[in-house]
């Protein structure tokens, strides 16, 4: 289905922009502080990325792409913690 493929492409493009924004913020922060603090700034950004990715996997994916019928289309109520990823029913 062309619409589904276009939706997947849009999600991939949007998520790659988020990762690139994270790298841009790291460079901006590193450029505006003293050189002795650059390593701690970059580590803070890496930890921020890891925490955000983990929380998205645990909670965000289910809220964004889960079954929203019980809540009248507001938020998803299934697919938390990656359920359905391995059997091909996730998206």
N, C-alpha and C. Protein backbone atom coordinates (compact mmCIF):
# COMPACT_ATOMS: atom_id res chain seq x y z
N UNK A 1 0.85 -1.18 0.00
CA UNK A 1 0.00 0.00 0.00
C UNK A 1 0.90 1.25 0.00
N UNK A 2 0.69 2.12 -0.94
CA UNK A 2 1.51 3.32 -1.06
C UNK A 2 1.36 4.29 0.09
N UNK A 3 0.16 4.39 0.65
CA UNK A 3 -0.05 5.31 1.77
C UNK A 3 0.71 4.85 3.00
N UNK A 4 0.71 3.55 3.27
CA UNK A 4 1.44 3.01 4.42
C UNK A 4 2.94 3.22 4.24
N UNK A 5 3.43 3.01 3.01
CA UNK A 5 4.86 3.20 2.77
C UNK A 5 5.24 4.67 2.94
N UNK A 6 4.38 5.57 2.50
CA UNK A 6 4.64 6.99 2.67
C UNK A 6 4.63 7.36 4.16
N UNK A 7 3.75 6.75 4.93
CA UNK A 7 3.72 6.99 6.37
C UNK A 7 4.99 6.52 7.05
N UNK A 8 5.49 5.35 6.64
CA UNK A 8 6.74 4.84 7.21
C UNK A 8 7.91 5.74 6.84
N UNK A 9 7.91 6.22 5.60
CA UNK A 9 8.98 7.12 5.17
C UNK A 9 8.94 8.43 5.96
N UNK A 10 7.75 8.93 6.22
CA UNK A 10 7.62 10.17 7.00
C UNK A 10 8.13 9.97 8.42
N UNK A 11 7.80 8.85 9.05
CA UNK A 11 8.26 8.57 10.41
C UNK A 11 9.78 8.45 10.45
N UNK A 12 10.35 7.79 9.45
CA UNK A 12 11.81 7.65 9.39
C UNK A 12 12.49 8.99 9.20
N UNK A 13 11.95 9.82 8.33
CA UNK A 13 12.51 11.15 8.08
C UNK A 13 12.41 12.02 9.33
N UNK A 14 11.27 12.00 9.98
CA UNK A 14 11.07 12.82 11.18
C UNK A 14 12.00 12.38 12.31
N UNK A 15 12.14 11.08 12.51
CA UNK A 15 13.00 10.61 13.59
C UNK A 15 14.47 10.93 13.30
N UNK A 16 14.87 10.87 12.04
CA UNK A 16 16.25 11.23 11.72
C UNK A 16 16.50 12.72 11.97
N UNK A 17 15.50 13.55 11.74
CA UNK A 17 15.65 14.98 12.04
C UNK A 17 15.82 15.21 13.53
N UNK A 18 15.13 14.45 14.35
CA UNK A 18 15.27 14.59 15.80
C UNK A 18 16.69 14.24 16.22
N UNK A 19 17.24 13.16 15.68
CA UNK A 19 18.61 12.78 16.02
C UNK A 19 19.61 13.83 15.55
N UNK A 20 19.39 14.39 14.38
CA UNK A 20 20.29 15.44 13.89
C UNK A 20 20.16 16.71 14.72
N UNK A 21 18.96 17.01 15.19
CA UNK A 21 18.79 18.17 16.07
C UNK A 21 19.56 17.97 17.37
N UNK A 22 19.53 16.76 17.90
CA UNK A 22 20.26 16.46 19.14
C UNK A 22 21.76 16.71 18.94
N UNK A 23 22.29 16.29 17.80
CA UNK A 23 23.71 16.53 17.52
C UNK A 23 23.98 18.02 17.36
N UNK A 24 23.08 18.74 16.74
CA UNK A 24 23.24 20.19 16.59
C UNK A 24 23.23 20.90 17.92
N UNK A 25 22.34 20.49 18.82
CA UNK A 25 22.32 21.10 20.15
C UNK A 25 23.62 20.83 20.90
N UNK A 26 24.15 19.63 20.73
CA UNK A 26 25.42 19.30 21.38
C UNK A 26 26.53 20.20 20.87
N UNK A 27 26.57 20.44 19.57
CA UNK A 27 27.60 21.31 19.01
C UNK A 27 27.43 22.76 19.45
N UNK A 28 26.19 23.22 19.51
CA UNK A 28 25.95 24.59 19.98
C UNK A 28 26.41 24.75 21.42
N UNK A 29 26.03 23.80 22.27
CA UNK A 29 26.43 23.89 23.67
C UNK A 29 27.95 23.80 23.83
N UNK A 30 28.58 22.92 23.06
CA UNK A 30 30.03 22.78 23.15
C UNK A 30 30.74 24.03 22.66
N UNK A 31 30.15 24.72 21.71
CA UNK A 31 30.76 25.94 21.19
C UNK A 31 30.59 27.15 22.07
N UNK A 32 29.64 27.09 22.99
CA UNK A 32 29.39 28.26 23.84
C UNK A 32 29.93 28.11 25.25
N UNK A 33 30.69 27.06 25.52
CA UNK A 33 31.27 26.90 26.85
C UNK A 33 32.79 26.84 26.75
N UNK A 34 33.43 26.87 27.88
CA UNK A 34 34.89 26.79 27.90
C UNK A 34 35.34 25.40 27.49
N UNK A 35 36.53 25.32 26.92
CA UNK A 35 37.00 24.04 26.37
C UNK A 35 37.14 22.96 27.43
N UNK A 36 37.38 23.34 28.67
CA UNK A 36 37.52 22.32 29.72
C UNK A 36 36.18 21.66 30.05
N UNK A 37 35.06 22.27 29.65
CA UNK A 37 33.74 21.72 29.96
C UNK A 37 33.09 20.99 28.79
N UNK A 38 33.77 20.92 27.66
CA UNK A 38 33.16 20.34 26.46
C UNK A 38 32.83 18.87 26.66
N UNK A 39 33.73 18.11 27.27
CA UNK A 39 33.50 16.68 27.46
C UNK A 39 32.26 16.43 28.31
N UNK A 40 32.10 17.17 29.38
CA UNK A 40 30.92 16.97 30.23
C UNK A 40 29.63 17.38 29.50
N UNK A 41 29.70 18.40 28.67
CA UNK A 41 28.52 18.81 27.90
C UNK A 41 28.14 17.71 26.90
N UNK A 42 29.13 17.15 26.22
CA UNK A 42 28.83 16.11 25.24
C UNK A 42 28.32 14.84 25.93
N UNK A 43 28.87 14.50 27.08
CA UNK A 43 28.38 13.34 27.83
C UNK A 43 26.94 13.56 28.29
N UNK A 44 26.64 14.78 28.70
CA UNK A 44 25.28 15.11 29.12
C UNK A 44 24.31 14.91 27.95
N UNK A 45 24.71 15.30 26.77
CA UNK A 45 23.86 15.15 25.60
C UNK A 45 23.69 13.68 25.21
N UNK A 46 24.74 12.88 25.36
CA UNK A 46 24.63 11.46 25.06
C UNK A 46 23.69 10.78 26.06
N UNK A 47 23.82 11.11 27.33
CA UNK A 47 22.94 10.54 28.34
C UNK A 47 21.50 10.98 28.08
N UNK A 48 21.31 12.23 27.71
CA UNK A 48 19.98 12.75 27.39
C UNK A 48 19.37 11.95 26.23
N UNK A 49 20.14 11.68 25.21
CA UNK A 49 19.66 10.90 24.06
C UNK A 49 19.30 9.48 24.47
N UNK A 50 20.14 8.84 25.29
CA UNK A 50 19.87 7.47 25.72
C UNK A 50 18.62 7.38 26.59
N UNK A 51 18.46 8.33 27.49
CA UNK A 51 17.27 8.33 28.36
C UNK A 51 16.01 8.57 27.53
N UNK A 52 16.07 9.53 26.63
CA UNK A 52 14.90 9.84 25.80
C UNK A 52 14.52 8.66 24.91
N UNK A 53 15.52 7.99 24.32
CA UNK A 53 15.25 6.83 23.46
C UNK A 53 14.65 5.69 24.27
N UNK A 54 15.17 5.46 25.46
CA UNK A 54 14.64 4.39 26.31
C UNK A 54 13.21 4.68 26.74
N UNK A 55 12.94 5.91 27.15
CA UNK A 55 11.57 6.25 27.55
C UNK A 55 10.60 6.19 26.38
N UNK A 56 11.07 6.57 25.18
CA UNK A 56 10.20 6.45 24.01
C UNK A 56 9.87 4.99 23.74
N UNK A 57 10.86 4.10 23.89
CA UNK A 57 10.63 2.68 23.67
C UNK A 57 9.65 2.13 24.70
N UNK A 58 9.80 2.55 25.95
CA UNK A 58 8.95 2.03 27.03
C UNK A 58 7.53 2.58 26.96
N UNK A 59 7.39 3.87 26.77
CA UNK A 59 6.09 4.52 26.90
C UNK A 59 5.61 5.21 25.62
N UNK A 60 6.45 5.95 24.96
CA UNK A 60 6.02 6.80 23.87
C UNK A 60 5.47 6.07 22.66
N UNK A 61 6.09 4.96 22.28
CA UNK A 61 5.64 4.22 21.10
C UNK A 61 4.21 3.73 21.29
N UNK A 62 3.92 3.22 22.46
CA UNK A 62 2.56 2.75 22.73
C UNK A 62 1.53 3.87 22.73
N UNK A 63 1.91 5.02 23.27
CA UNK A 63 0.99 6.16 23.26
C UNK A 63 0.76 6.69 21.86
N UNK A 64 1.80 6.69 21.03
CA UNK A 64 1.68 7.26 19.70
C UNK A 64 1.06 6.30 18.69
N UNK A 65 1.40 5.01 18.75
CA UNK A 65 0.99 4.08 17.71
C UNK A 65 0.17 2.91 18.21
N UNK A 66 -0.20 2.91 19.46
CA UNK A 66 -1.01 1.82 19.99
C UNK A 66 -2.46 1.94 19.57
N UNK A 67 -3.26 0.95 19.94
CA UNK A 67 -4.68 0.95 19.63
C UNK A 67 -5.36 2.08 20.39
N UNK A 68 -5.97 3.01 19.68
CA UNK A 68 -6.58 4.17 20.33
C UNK A 68 -8.10 4.10 20.36
N UNK A 69 -8.67 2.95 20.02
CA UNK A 69 -10.13 2.82 20.02
C UNK A 69 -10.75 3.02 21.41
N UNK A 70 -10.16 2.46 22.49
CA UNK A 70 -10.78 2.65 23.81
C UNK A 70 -10.79 4.12 24.29
N UNK A 71 -9.94 4.95 23.73
CA UNK A 71 -9.87 6.35 24.17
C UNK A 71 -10.40 7.32 23.12
N UNK A 72 -11.22 6.82 22.21
CA UNK A 72 -11.80 7.63 21.14
C UNK A 72 -10.75 8.32 20.29
N UNK A 73 -9.66 7.64 20.01
CA UNK A 73 -8.63 8.15 19.13
C UNK A 73 -7.65 9.13 19.76
N UNK A 74 -7.68 9.29 21.07
CA UNK A 74 -6.80 10.26 21.72
C UNK A 74 -5.38 9.72 21.92
N UNK A 75 -5.23 8.61 22.63
CA UNK A 75 -3.90 8.03 22.89
C UNK A 75 -3.98 6.52 22.73
N UNK A 76 -2.83 5.92 22.45
CA UNK A 76 -2.77 4.48 22.32
C UNK A 76 -2.77 3.79 23.67
N UNK A 77 -3.33 2.60 23.70
CA UNK A 77 -3.40 1.85 24.95
C UNK A 77 -2.70 0.50 24.86
N UNK A 78 -2.05 0.21 23.74
CA UNK A 78 -1.33 -1.06 23.57
C UNK A 78 0.06 -0.77 23.03
N UNK A 79 0.83 -1.81 22.80
CA UNK A 79 2.17 -1.75 22.21
C UNK A 79 3.21 -1.05 23.09
N UNK A 80 3.08 -1.16 24.38
CA UNK A 80 4.08 -0.62 25.29
C UNK A 80 5.22 -1.61 25.43
N UNK A 81 6.40 -1.12 25.74
CA UNK A 81 7.62 -1.94 25.90
C UNK A 81 7.92 -2.77 24.67
N UNK A 82 7.57 -2.25 23.50
CA UNK A 82 7.92 -2.92 22.27
C UNK A 82 7.11 -4.16 21.96
N UNK A 83 5.97 -4.34 22.60
CA UNK A 83 5.17 -5.53 22.32
C UNK A 83 4.68 -5.47 20.87
N UNK A 84 4.83 -6.54 20.16
CA UNK A 84 4.43 -6.62 18.77
C UNK A 84 5.53 -6.30 17.78
N UNK A 85 6.71 -5.93 18.26
CA UNK A 85 7.79 -5.60 17.34
C UNK A 85 8.36 -6.83 16.65
N UNK A 86 8.46 -7.94 17.33
CA UNK A 86 9.10 -9.12 16.77
C UNK A 86 8.17 -9.94 15.87
N UNK A 87 6.87 -9.83 16.04
CA UNK A 87 5.97 -10.62 15.21
C UNK A 87 5.40 -9.83 14.03
N UNK A 88 5.90 -8.62 13.80
CA UNK A 88 5.53 -7.85 12.63
C UNK A 88 4.23 -7.09 12.73
N UNK A 89 3.66 -6.97 13.92
CA UNK A 89 2.39 -6.25 14.06
C UNK A 89 2.55 -4.89 14.71
N UNK A 90 3.77 -4.38 14.80
CA UNK A 90 4.00 -3.15 15.54
C UNK A 90 3.45 -1.93 14.83
N UNK A 91 3.72 -1.78 13.54
CA UNK A 91 3.26 -0.57 12.84
C UNK A 91 2.54 -0.97 11.60
